[in-house]
PDB file of N, CA and C in Angstrom:
ATOM      1  N   MET A   1      34.062   9.605   4.863  1.00  0.00           N
ATOM      2  CA  MET A   1      32.944   8.820   5.327  1.00  0.00           C
ATOM      3  C   MET A   1      32.027   8.521   4.132  1.00  0.00           C
ATOM      4  N   MET A   2      31.672   7.281   4.008  1.00  0.00           N
ATOM      5  CA  MET A   2      30.843   6.849   2.896  1.00  0.00           C
ATOM      6  C   MET A   2      29.355   7.009   3.235  1.00  0.00           C
ATOM      7  N   LYS A   3      28.597   7.565   2.321  1.00  0.00           N
ATOM      8  CA  LYS A   3      27.164   7.727   2.548  1.00  0.00           C
ATOM      9  C   LYS A   3      26.465   6.383   2.435  1.00  0.00           C
ATOM     10  N   GLU A   4      25.487   6.187   3.312  1.00  0.00           N
ATOM     11  CA  GLU A   4      24.697   4.967   3.221  1.00  0.00           C
ATOM     12  C   GLU A   4      23.705   5.119   2.077  1.00  0.00           C
ATOM     13  N   ARG A   5      23.473   4.049   1.385  1.00  0.00           N
ATOM     14  CA  ARG A   5      22.508   4.077   0.288  1.00  0.00           C
ATOM     15  C   ARG A   5      21.112   3.905   0.851  1.00  0.00           C
ATOM     16  N   ILE A   6      20.203   4.734   0.395  1.00  0.00           N
ATOM     17  CA  ILE A   6      18.810   4.628   0.790  1.00  0.00           C
ATOM     18  C   ILE A   6      18.073   3.957  -0.360  1.00  0.00           C
ATOM     19  N   PRO A   7      17.425   2.806  -0.087  1.00  0.00           N
ATOM     20  CA  PRO A   7      16.735   2.121  -1.191  1.00  0.00           C
ATOM     21  C   PRO A   7      15.570   2.953  -1.704  1.00  0.00           C
ATOM     22  N   ARG A   8      15.284   2.818  -2.983  1.00  0.00           N
ATOM     23  CA  ARG A   8      14.159   3.542  -3.581  1.00  0.00           C
ATOM     24  C   ARG A   8      12.864   3.041  -2.958  1.00  0.00           C
ATOM     25  N   MET A   9      11.905   3.931  -2.798  1.00  0.00           N
ATOM     26  CA  MET A   9      10.629   3.606  -2.159  1.00  0.00           C
ATOM     27  C   MET A   9       9.925   2.465  -2.885  1.00  0.00           C
ATOM     28  N   GLU A  10       9.989   2.438  -4.227  1.00  0.00           N
ATOM     29  CA  GLU A  10       9.296   1.409  -4.993  1.00  0.00           C
ATOM     30  C   GLU A  10       9.821   0.018  -4.663  1.00  0.00           C
ATOM     31  N   SER A  11      11.130  -0.125  -4.521  1.00  0.00           N
ATOM     32  CA  SER A  11      11.690  -1.442  -4.238  1.00  0.00           C
ATOM     33  C   SER A  11      11.337  -1.900  -2.829  1.00  0.00           C
ATOM     34  N   VAL A  12      11.264  -0.974  -1.892  1.00  0.00           N
ATOM     35  CA  VAL A  12      10.881  -1.319  -0.520  1.00  0.00           C
ATOM     36  C   VAL A  12       9.422  -1.733  -0.481  1.00  0.00           C
ATOM     37  N   LEU A  13       8.548  -0.997  -1.171  1.00  0.00           N
ATOM     38  CA  LEU A  13       7.125  -1.306  -1.165  1.00  0.00           C
ATOM     39  C   LEU A  13       6.821  -2.627  -1.851  1.00  0.00           C
ATOM     40  N   SER A  14       7.599  -3.001  -2.850  1.00  0.00           N
ATOM     41  CA  SER A  14       7.334  -4.255  -3.546  1.00  0.00           C
ATOM     42  C   SER A  14       7.686  -5.466  -2.695  1.00  0.00           C
ATOM     43  N   GLU A  15       8.486  -5.279  -1.657  1.00  0.00           N
ATOM     44  CA  GLU A  15       8.876  -6.382  -0.785  1.00  0.00           C
ATOM     45  C   GLU A  15       7.952  -6.527   0.416  1.00  0.00           C
ATOM     46  N   LYS A  16       7.275  -5.468   0.811  1.00  0.00           N
ATOM     47  CA  LYS A  16       6.420  -5.489   1.993  1.00  0.00           C
ATOM     48  C   LYS A  16       5.002  -5.898   1.633  1.00  0.00           C
ATOM     49  N   ARG A  17       4.378  -6.676   2.506  1.00  0.00           N
ATOM     50  CA  ARG A  17       2.974  -7.031   2.282  1.00  0.00           C
ATOM     51  C   ARG A  17       2.049  -6.037   2.967  1.00  0.00           C
ATOM     52  N   LEU A  18       2.340  -5.687   4.214  1.00  0.00           N
ATOM     53  CA  LEU A  18       1.505  -4.749   4.960  1.00  0.00           C
ATOM     54  C   LEU A  18       2.133  -3.367   4.931  1.00  0.00           C
ATOM     55  N   LEU A  19       1.356  -2.391   4.494  1.00  0.00           N
ATOM     56  CA  LEU A  19       1.847  -1.028   4.334  1.00  0.00           C
ATOM     57  C   LEU A  19       1.172  -0.109   5.330  1.00  0.00           C
ATOM     58  N   ASP A  20       1.908   0.885   5.828  1.00  0.00           N
ATOM     59  CA  ASP A  20       1.280   1.878   6.701  1.00  0.00           C
ATOM     60  C   ASP A  20       0.577   2.916   5.829  1.00  0.00           C
ATOM     61  N   SER A  21      -0.026   3.906   6.456  1.00  0.00           N
ATOM     62  CA  SER A  21      -0.851   4.867   5.708  1.00  0.00           C
ATOM     63  C   SER A  21      -0.041   5.665   4.684  1.00  0.00           C
ATOM     64  N   VAL A  22       1.153   6.068   5.036  1.00  0.00           N
ATOM     65  CA  VAL A  22       1.984   6.831   4.098  1.00  0.00           C
ATOM     66  C   VAL A  22       2.393   5.948   2.918  1.00  0.00           C
ATOM     67  N   GLU A  23       2.776   4.714   3.209  1.00  0.00           N
ATOM     68  CA  GLU A  23       3.214   3.801   2.157  1.00  0.00           C
ATOM     69  C   GLU A  23       2.070   3.433   1.215  1.00  0.00           C
ATOM     70  N   VAL A  24       0.869   3.186   1.771  1.00  0.00           N
ATOM     71  CA  VAL A  24      -0.251   2.810   0.904  1.00  0.00           C
ATOM     72  C   VAL A  24      -0.636   3.969  -0.007  1.00  0.00           C
ATOM     73  N   CYS A  25      -0.563   5.182   0.474  1.00  0.00           N
ATOM     74  CA  CYS A  25      -0.864   6.345  -0.367  1.00  0.00           C
ATOM     75  C   CYS A  25       0.188   6.516  -1.457  1.00  0.00           C
ATOM     76  N   THR A  26       1.434   6.269  -1.132  1.00  0.00           N
ATOM     77  CA  THR A  26       2.501   6.320  -2.129  1.00  0.00           C
ATOM     78  C   THR A  26       2.306   5.218  -3.159  1.00  0.00           C
ATOM     79  N   TYR A  27       1.993   4.026  -2.689  1.00  0.00           N
ATOM     80  CA  TYR A  27       1.776   2.868  -3.569  1.00  0.00           C
ATOM     81  C   TYR A  27       0.626   3.126  -4.543  1.00  0.00           C
ATOM     82  N   LEU A  28      -0.433   3.752  -4.055  1.00  0.00           N
ATOM     83  CA  LEU A  28      -1.610   4.030  -4.886  1.00  0.00           C
ATOM     84  C   LEU A  28      -1.503   5.337  -5.664  1.00  0.00           C
ATOM     85  N   SER A  29      -0.516   6.145  -5.348  1.00  0.00           N
ATOM     86  CA  SER A  29      -0.354   7.477  -5.950  1.00  0.00           C
ATOM     87  C   SER A  29      -1.586   8.337  -5.708  1.00  0.00           C
ATOM     88  N   LEU A  30      -2.092   8.273  -4.474  1.00  0.00           N
ATOM     89  CA  LEU A  30      -3.237   9.075  -4.064  1.00  0.00           C
ATOM     90  C   LEU A  30      -2.866   9.875  -2.830  1.00  0.00           C
ATOM     91  N   GLY A  31      -3.652  10.908  -2.553  1.00  0.00           N
ATOM     92  CA  GLY A  31      -3.461  11.678  -1.335  1.00  0.00           C
ATOM     93  C   GLY A  31      -3.845  10.858  -0.119  1.00  0.00           C
ATOM     94  N   ARG A  32      -3.560  11.402   1.062  1.00  0.00           N
ATOM     95  CA  ARG A  32      -3.767  10.655   2.303  1.00  0.00           C
ATOM     96  C   ARG A  32      -5.224  10.218   2.499  1.00  0.00           C
ATOM     97  N   CYS A  33      -6.156  11.114   2.403  1.00  0.00           N
ATOM     98  CA  CYS A  33      -7.567  10.767   2.654  1.00  0.00           C
ATOM     99  C   CYS A  33      -8.105   9.804   1.599  1.00  0.00           C
ATOM    100  N   LYS A  34      -7.879  10.094   0.331  1.00  0.00           N
ATOM    101  CA  LYS A  34      -8.389   9.243  -0.750  1.00  0.00           C
ATOM    102  C   LYS A  34      -7.734   7.868  -0.732  1.00  0.00           C
ATOM    103  N   GLY A  35      -6.448   7.810  -0.458  1.00  0.00           N
ATOM    104  CA  GLY A  35      -5.739   6.534  -0.424  1.00  0.00           C
ATOM    105  C   GLY A  35      -6.243   5.620   0.680  1.00  0.00           C
ATOM    106  N   ILE A  36      -6.407   6.172   1.865  1.00  0.00           N
ATOM    107  CA  ILE A  36      -6.892   5.391   2.998  1.00  0.00           C
ATOM    108  C   ILE A  36      -8.348   4.983   2.788  1.00  0.00           C
ATOM    109  N   ASP A  37      -9.181   5.901   2.314  1.00  0.00           N
ATOM    110  CA  ASP A  37     -10.587   5.579   2.047  1.00  0.00           C
ATOM    111  C   ASP A  37     -10.705   4.466   1.013  1.00  0.00           C
ATOM    112  N   PHE A  38      -9.910   4.535  -0.048  1.00  0.00           N
ATOM    113  CA  PHE A  38      -9.946   3.513  -1.086  1.00  0.00           C
ATOM    114  C   PHE A  38      -9.528   2.153  -0.526  1.00  0.00           C
ATOM    115  N   ALA A  39      -8.441   2.120   0.228  1.00  0.00           N
ATOM    116  CA  ALA A  39      -7.955   0.861   0.794  1.00  0.00           C
ATOM    117  C   ALA A  39      -8.989   0.245   1.743  1.00  0.00           C
ATOM    118  N   LYS A  40      -9.663   1.070   2.529  1.00  0.00           N
ATOM    119  CA  LYS A  40     -10.725   0.577   3.411  1.00  0.00           C
ATOM    120  C   LYS A  40     -11.882   0.020   2.588  1.00  0.00           C
ATOM    121  N   GLN A  41     -12.267   0.742   1.556  1.00  0.00           N
ATOM    122  CA  GLN A  41     -13.412   0.377   0.723  1.00  0.00           C
ATOM    123  C   GLN A  41     -13.228  -0.995   0.068  1.00  0.00           C
ATOM    124  N   ILE A  42     -12.013  -1.330  -0.341  1.00  0.00           N
ATOM    125  CA  ILE A  42     -11.791  -2.614  -1.017  1.00  0.00           C
ATOM    126  C   ILE A  42     -11.424  -3.730  -0.041  1.00  0.00           C
ATOM    127  N   GLY A  43     -11.380  -3.419   1.253  1.00  0.00           N
ATOM    128  CA  GLY A  43     -11.137  -4.452   2.264  1.00  0.00           C
ATOM    129  C   GLY A  43      -9.680  -4.762   2.538  1.00  0.00           C
ATOM    130  N   ALA A  44      -8.800  -3.808   2.283  1.00  0.00           N
ATOM    131  CA  ALA A  44      -7.372  -4.029   2.488  1.00  0.00           C
ATOM    132  C   ALA A  44      -6.900  -3.649   3.890  1.00  0.00           C
ATOM    133  N   GLU A  45      -7.766  -3.039   4.684  1.00  0.00           N
ATOM    134  CA  GLU A  45      -7.376  -2.575   6.019  1.00  0.00           C
ATOM    135  C   GLU A  45      -7.234  -3.751   6.979  1.00  0.00           C
ATOM    136  N   ARG A  46      -6.136  -3.761   7.734  1.00  0.00           N
ATOM    137  CA  ARG A  46      -5.874  -4.777   8.751  1.00  0.00           C
ATOM    138  C   ARG A  46      -5.501  -4.063  10.041  1.00  0.00           C
ATOM    139  N   LYS A  47      -6.189  -4.405  11.122  1.00  0.00           N
ATOM    140  CA  LYS A  47      -5.884  -3.790  12.414  1.00  0.00           C
ATOM    141  C   LYS A  47      -5.133  -4.797  13.276  1.00  0.00           C
ATOM    142  N   ILE A  48      -4.018  -4.341  13.784  1.00  0.00           N
ATOM    143  CA  ILE A  48      -3.198  -5.147  14.685  1.00  0.00           C
ATOM    144  C   ILE A  48      -3.045  -4.316  15.949  1.00  0.00           C
ATOM    145  N   GLY A  49      -3.853  -4.628  16.942  1.00  0.00           N
ATOM    146  CA  GLY A  49      -3.902  -3.791  18.133  1.00  0.00           C
ATOM    147  C   GLY A  49      -4.448  -2.434  17.741  1.00  0.00           C
ATOM    148  N   ARG A  50      -3.724  -1.380  18.078  1.00  0.00           N
ATOM    149  CA  ARG A  50      -4.133  -0.017  17.695  1.00  0.00           C
ATOM    150  C   ARG A  50      -3.559   0.394  16.353  1.00  0.00           C
ATOM    151  N   ARG A  51      -2.692  -0.429  15.825  1.00  0.00           N
ATOM    152  CA  ARG A  51      -2.034  -0.101  14.564  1.00  0.00           C
ATOM    153  C   ARG A  51      -2.912  -0.493  13.381  1.00  0.00           C
ATOM    154  N   VAL A  52      -2.957   0.355  12.373  1.00  0.00           N
ATOM    155  CA  VAL A  52      -3.734   0.082  11.164  1.00  0.00           C
ATOM    156  C   VAL A  52      -2.761  -0.027   9.990  1.00  0.00           C
ATOM    157  N   LEU A  53      -2.816  -1.174   9.301  1.00  0.00           N
ATOM    158  CA  LEU A  53      -1.977  -1.415   8.131  1.00  0.00           C
ATOM    159  C   LEU A  53      -2.867  -1.817   6.969  1.00  0.00           C
ATOM    160  N   TYR A  54      -2.304  -1.830   5.767  1.00  0.00           N
ATOM    161  CA  TYR A  54      -3.072  -2.110   4.565  1.00  0.00           C
ATOM    162  C   TYR A  54      -2.373  -3.204   3.762  1.00  0.00           C
ATOM    163  N   ASP A  55      -3.141  -4.227   3.381  1.00  0.00           N
ATOM    164  CA  ASP A  55      -2.608  -5.412   2.715  1.00  0.00           C
ATOM    165  C   ASP A  55      -2.402  -5.140   1.224  1.00  0.00           C
ATOM    166  N   ARG A  56      -1.149  -5.152   0.808  1.00  0.00           N
ATOM    167  CA  ARG A  56      -0.796  -4.878  -0.584  1.00  0.00           C
ATOM    168  C   ARG A  56      -1.343  -5.953  -1.515  1.00  0.00           C
ATOM    169  N   HIS A  57      -1.419  -7.201  -1.052  1.00  0.00           N
ATOM    170  CA  HIS A  57      -1.931  -8.282  -1.900  1.00  0.00           C
ATOM    171  C   HIS A  57      -3.412  -8.073  -2.233  1.00  0.00           C
ATOM    172  N   VAL A  58      -4.181  -7.574  -1.286  1.00  0.00           N
ATOM    173  CA  VAL A  58      -5.596  -7.294  -1.529  1.00  0.00           C
ATOM    174  C   VAL A  58      -5.732  -6.174  -2.562  1.00  0.00           C
ATOM    175  N   ILE A  59      -4.900  -5.161  -2.443  1.00  0.00           N
ATOM    176  CA  ILE A  59      -4.925  -4.044  -3.392  1.00  0.00           C
ATOM    177  C   ILE A  59      -4.555  -4.534  -4.791  1.00  0.00           C
ATOM    178  N   ASP A  60      -3.497  -5.341  -4.890  1.00  0.00           N
ATOM    179  CA  ASP A  60      -3.078  -5.869  -6.188  1.00  0.00           C
ATOM    180  C   ASP A  60      -4.164  -6.745  -6.804  1.00  0.00           C
ATOM    181  N   LYS A  61      -4.801  -7.587  -5.992  1.00  0.00           N
ATOM    182  CA  LYS A  61      -5.864  -8.459  -6.486  1.00  0.00           C
ATOM    183  C   LYS A  61      -7.045  -7.636  -6.997  1.00  0.00           C
ATOM    184  N   TYR A  62      -7.377  -6.574  -6.298  1.00  0.00           N
ATOM    185  CA  TYR A  62      -8.475  -5.697  -6.735  1.00  0.00           C
ATOM    186  C   TYR A  62      -8.197  -5.165  -8.140  1.00  0.00           C
ATOM    187  N   PHE A  63      -6.989  -4.664  -8.356  1.00  0.00           N
ATOM    188  CA  PHE A  63      -6.658  -4.110  -9.666  1.00  0.00           C
ATOM    189  C   PHE A  63      -6.567  -5.196 -10.732  1.00  0.00           C
ATOM    190  N   ASP A  64      -6.063  -6.374 -10.387  1.00  0.00           N
ATOM    191  CA  ASP A  64      -6.034  -7.489 -11.327  1.00  0.00           C
ATOM    192  C   ASP A  64      -7.442  -7.866 -11.764  1.00  0.00           C
ATOM    193  N   ASP A  65      -8.378  -7.903 -10.801  1.00  0.00           N
ATOM    194  CA  ASP A  65      -9.772  -8.224 -11.124  1.00  0.00           C
ATOM    195  C   ASP A  65     -10.393  -7.160 -12.011  1.00  0.00           C
ATOM    196  N   GLN A  66     -10.034  -5.897 -11.805  1.00  0.00           N
ATOM    197  CA  GLN A  66     -10.556  -4.816 -12.634  1.00  0.00           C
ATOM    198  C   GLN A  66     -10.067  -4.940 -14.074  1.00  0.00           C
ATOM    199  N   ILE A  67      -8.833  -5.370 -14.234  1.00  0.00           N
ATOM    200  CA  ILE A  67      -8.262  -5.542 -15.577  1.00  0.00           C
ATOM    201  C   ILE A  67      -8.950  -6.699 -16.301  1.00  0.00           C
ATOM    202  N   GLU A  68      -9.253  -7.785 -15.576  1.00  0.00           N
ATOM    203  CA  GLU A  68      -9.909  -8.945 -16.182  1.00  0.00           C
ATOM    204  C   GLU A  68     -11.321  -8.619 -16.649  1.00  0.00           C
ATOM    205  N   ARG A  69     -11.981  -7.692 -15.979  1.00  0.00           N
ATOM    206  CA  ARG A  69     -13.344  -7.313 -16.360  1.00  0.00           C
ATOM    207  C   ARG A  69     -13.407  -6.571 -17.680  1.00  0.00           C
ATOM    208  N   CYS A  70     -12.302  -5.915 -18.047  1.00  0.00           N
ATOM    209  CA  CYS A  70     -12.291  -5.114 -19.288  1.00  0.00           C
ATOM    210  C   CYS A  70     -12.193  -5.941 -20.524  1.00  0.00           C
TER     211      CYS A  70
END
């Protein structure tokens, strides 16, 4: 029986726009509380019904703007 290949987390995250709480913390390399607080603070939080997701494009734009300021 052949094992199924599991894609690396980085490649999956680079394809998704909306990330759940675990994915956004992995993407930011922060712990759960700090990652979620940071994403909320910069306006990346999106609520769809009871579900809360975080917009990767908003996070990327925030960091791009920070780099331009330097």
